[in-house]
């Protein structure tokens, strides 16, 4: 391989590593959250129960203020909060209900249920 081609390949590899590192730094809490996703049931009909530990600042008030009127609006608001600056679209599935448990700084659990 010619030295020029080696330099270009190294440069491209360096940029790729840099972008991966920057993404990991910016979205580390989101990545940690996604890695915590666990399926709790194994129902044959495919309607399973999942659990996830959210490690980033989940702002339900901001999601509601975004004008959530239906499932798709809710998903759009959540995706915008989870991946700020990323032009991502997720098609909303059919929802039933979700249960939330949050633990505050004094280790007190706060529970709520959101029906959509």
Protein backbone atom coordinates (compact mmCIF):
# COMPACT_ATOMS: atom_id res chain seq x y z
CA UNK A 1 0.00 0.00 0.00
CA UNK A 2 1.27 3.47 -0.82
CA UNK A 3 2.11 5.86 2.03
CA UNK A 4 -0.58 8.29 0.84
CA UNK A 5 -3.25 5.57 0.96
CA UNK A 6 -2.06 4.50 4.40
CA UNK A 7 -2.34 8.10 5.62
CA UNK A 8 -5.88 8.40 4.21
CA UNK A 9 -6.91 5.09 5.78
CA UNK A 10 -5.47 6.17 9.14
CA UNK A 11 -7.24 9.50 8.88
CA UNK A 12 -10.59 7.87 8.13
CA UNK A 13 -10.09 5.40 10.98
CA UNK A 14 -9.17 8.24 13.32
CA UNK A 15 -12.29 10.20 12.41
CA UNK A 16 -14.47 7.10 12.91
CA UNK A 17 -12.94 6.43 16.34
CA UNK A 18 -13.34 10.10 17.25
CA UNK A 19 -17.01 10.12 16.24
CA UNK A 20 -17.65 6.91 18.17
CA UNK A 21 -15.97 8.36 21.26
CA UNK A 22 -17.90 11.64 20.97
CA UNK A 23 -21.17 9.75 20.59
CA UNK A 24 -20.34 7.66 23.65
CA UNK A 25 -19.56 10.78 25.67
CA UNK A 26 -22.67 12.69 24.59
CA UNK A 27 -25.10 9.77 24.79
CA UNK A 28 -23.53 7.62 27.52
CA UNK A 29 -26.58 7.85 29.78
CA UNK A 30 -28.92 6.93 26.94
CA UNK A 31 -26.69 3.99 26.02
CA UNK A 32 -26.63 2.88 29.66
CA UNK A 33 -30.44 3.11 29.72
CA UNK A 34 -30.85 1.06 26.53
CA UNK A 35 -28.45 -1.57 27.87
CA UNK A 36 -30.65 -2.00 30.96
CA UNK A 37 -33.74 -3.04 28.94
CA UNK A 38 -35.03 -6.39 30.20
CA UNK A 39 -37.97 -8.51 29.04
CA UNK A 40 -39.82 -9.65 32.14
CA UNK A 41 -42.35 -11.97 30.53
CA UNK A 42 -42.41 -14.36 27.60
CA UNK A 43 -46.02 -14.27 26.44
CA UNK A 44 -46.85 -16.26 23.32
CA UNK A 45 -48.99 -13.43 21.95
CA UNK A 46 -46.00 -11.06 21.85
CA UNK A 47 -47.43 -8.58 24.36
CA UNK A 48 -44.67 -8.78 26.90
CA UNK A 49 -43.75 -6.67 29.88
CA UNK A 50 -40.37 -4.93 29.81
CA UNK A 51 -38.36 -2.96 32.38
CA UNK A 52 -35.75 -0.27 31.77
CA UNK A 53 -33.71 1.83 34.17
CA UNK A 54 -33.58 5.38 32.82
CA UNK A 55 -30.17 6.91 33.60
CA UNK A 56 -30.69 10.27 31.89
CA UNK A 57 -32.89 13.17 33.05
CA UNK A 58 -36.37 12.01 32.04
CA UNK A 59 -38.61 15.09 31.90
CA UNK A 60 -42.23 13.93 31.68
CA UNK A 61 -43.49 17.52 32.08
CA UNK A 62 -41.58 18.56 28.95
CA UNK A 63 -43.02 15.60 27.05
CA UNK A 64 -46.56 16.56 28.09
CA UNK A 65 -45.89 20.21 27.18
CA UNK A 66 -44.92 19.05 23.68
CA UNK A 67 -48.62 18.51 23.02
CA UNK A 68 -48.97 14.75 23.36
CA UNK A 69 -52.36 13.90 21.85
CA UNK A 70 -51.79 10.37 20.63
CA UNK A 71 -49.29 7.51 20.63
CA UNK A 72 -47.22 8.91 17.75
CA UNK A 73 -46.93 12.36 19.36
CA UNK A 74 -45.79 10.69 22.60
CA UNK A 75 -43.14 8.61 20.80
CA UNK A 76 -41.95 11.68 18.86
CA UNK A 77 -41.57 13.68 22.09
CA UNK A 78 -39.72 10.84 23.85
CA UNK A 79 -37.36 10.27 20.90
CA UNK A 80 -36.60 14.01 20.76
CA UNK A 81 -35.72 13.95 24.46
CA UNK A 82 -33.71 10.72 24.37
CA UNK A 83 -31.75 11.60 21.22
CA UNK A 84 -31.47 15.39 21.16
CA UNK A 85 -30.17 16.66 17.86
CA UNK A 86 -30.68 13.34 16.06
CA UNK A 87 -33.30 13.40 13.29
CA UNK A 88 -34.76 10.00 14.20
CA UNK A 89 -38.30 8.73 13.63
CA UNK A 90 -39.83 5.74 15.38
CA UNK A 91 -43.22 4.44 14.30
CA UNK A 92 -45.47 4.19 17.36
CA UNK A 93 -46.72 0.72 18.27
CA UNK A 94 -50.11 0.13 19.88
CA UNK A 95 -49.91 0.97 23.60
CA UNK A 96 -51.78 -0.31 26.60
CA UNK A 97 -50.32 1.29 29.72
CA UNK A 98 -46.98 2.02 31.32
CA UNK A 99 -45.96 2.07 34.95
CA UNK A 100 -43.23 4.38 36.20
CA UNK A 101 -41.19 4.19 39.37
CA UNK A 102 -38.78 6.98 40.20
CA UNK A 103 -36.39 7.11 43.14
CA UNK A 104 -35.54 10.53 44.56
CA UNK A 105 -32.34 11.71 46.25
CA UNK A 106 -33.58 10.38 49.61
CA UNK A 107 -34.15 6.89 48.07
CA UNK A 108 -37.95 7.23 48.26
CA UNK A 109 -39.86 5.46 45.49
CA UNK A 110 -42.56 7.37 43.61
CA UNK A 111 -44.93 5.35 41.44
CA UNK A 112 -47.38 6.37 38.76
CA UNK A 113 -49.22 4.73 35.92
CA UNK A 114 -49.78 6.33 32.54
CA UNK A 115 -52.64 5.03 30.43
CA UNK A 116 -52.62 5.88 26.75
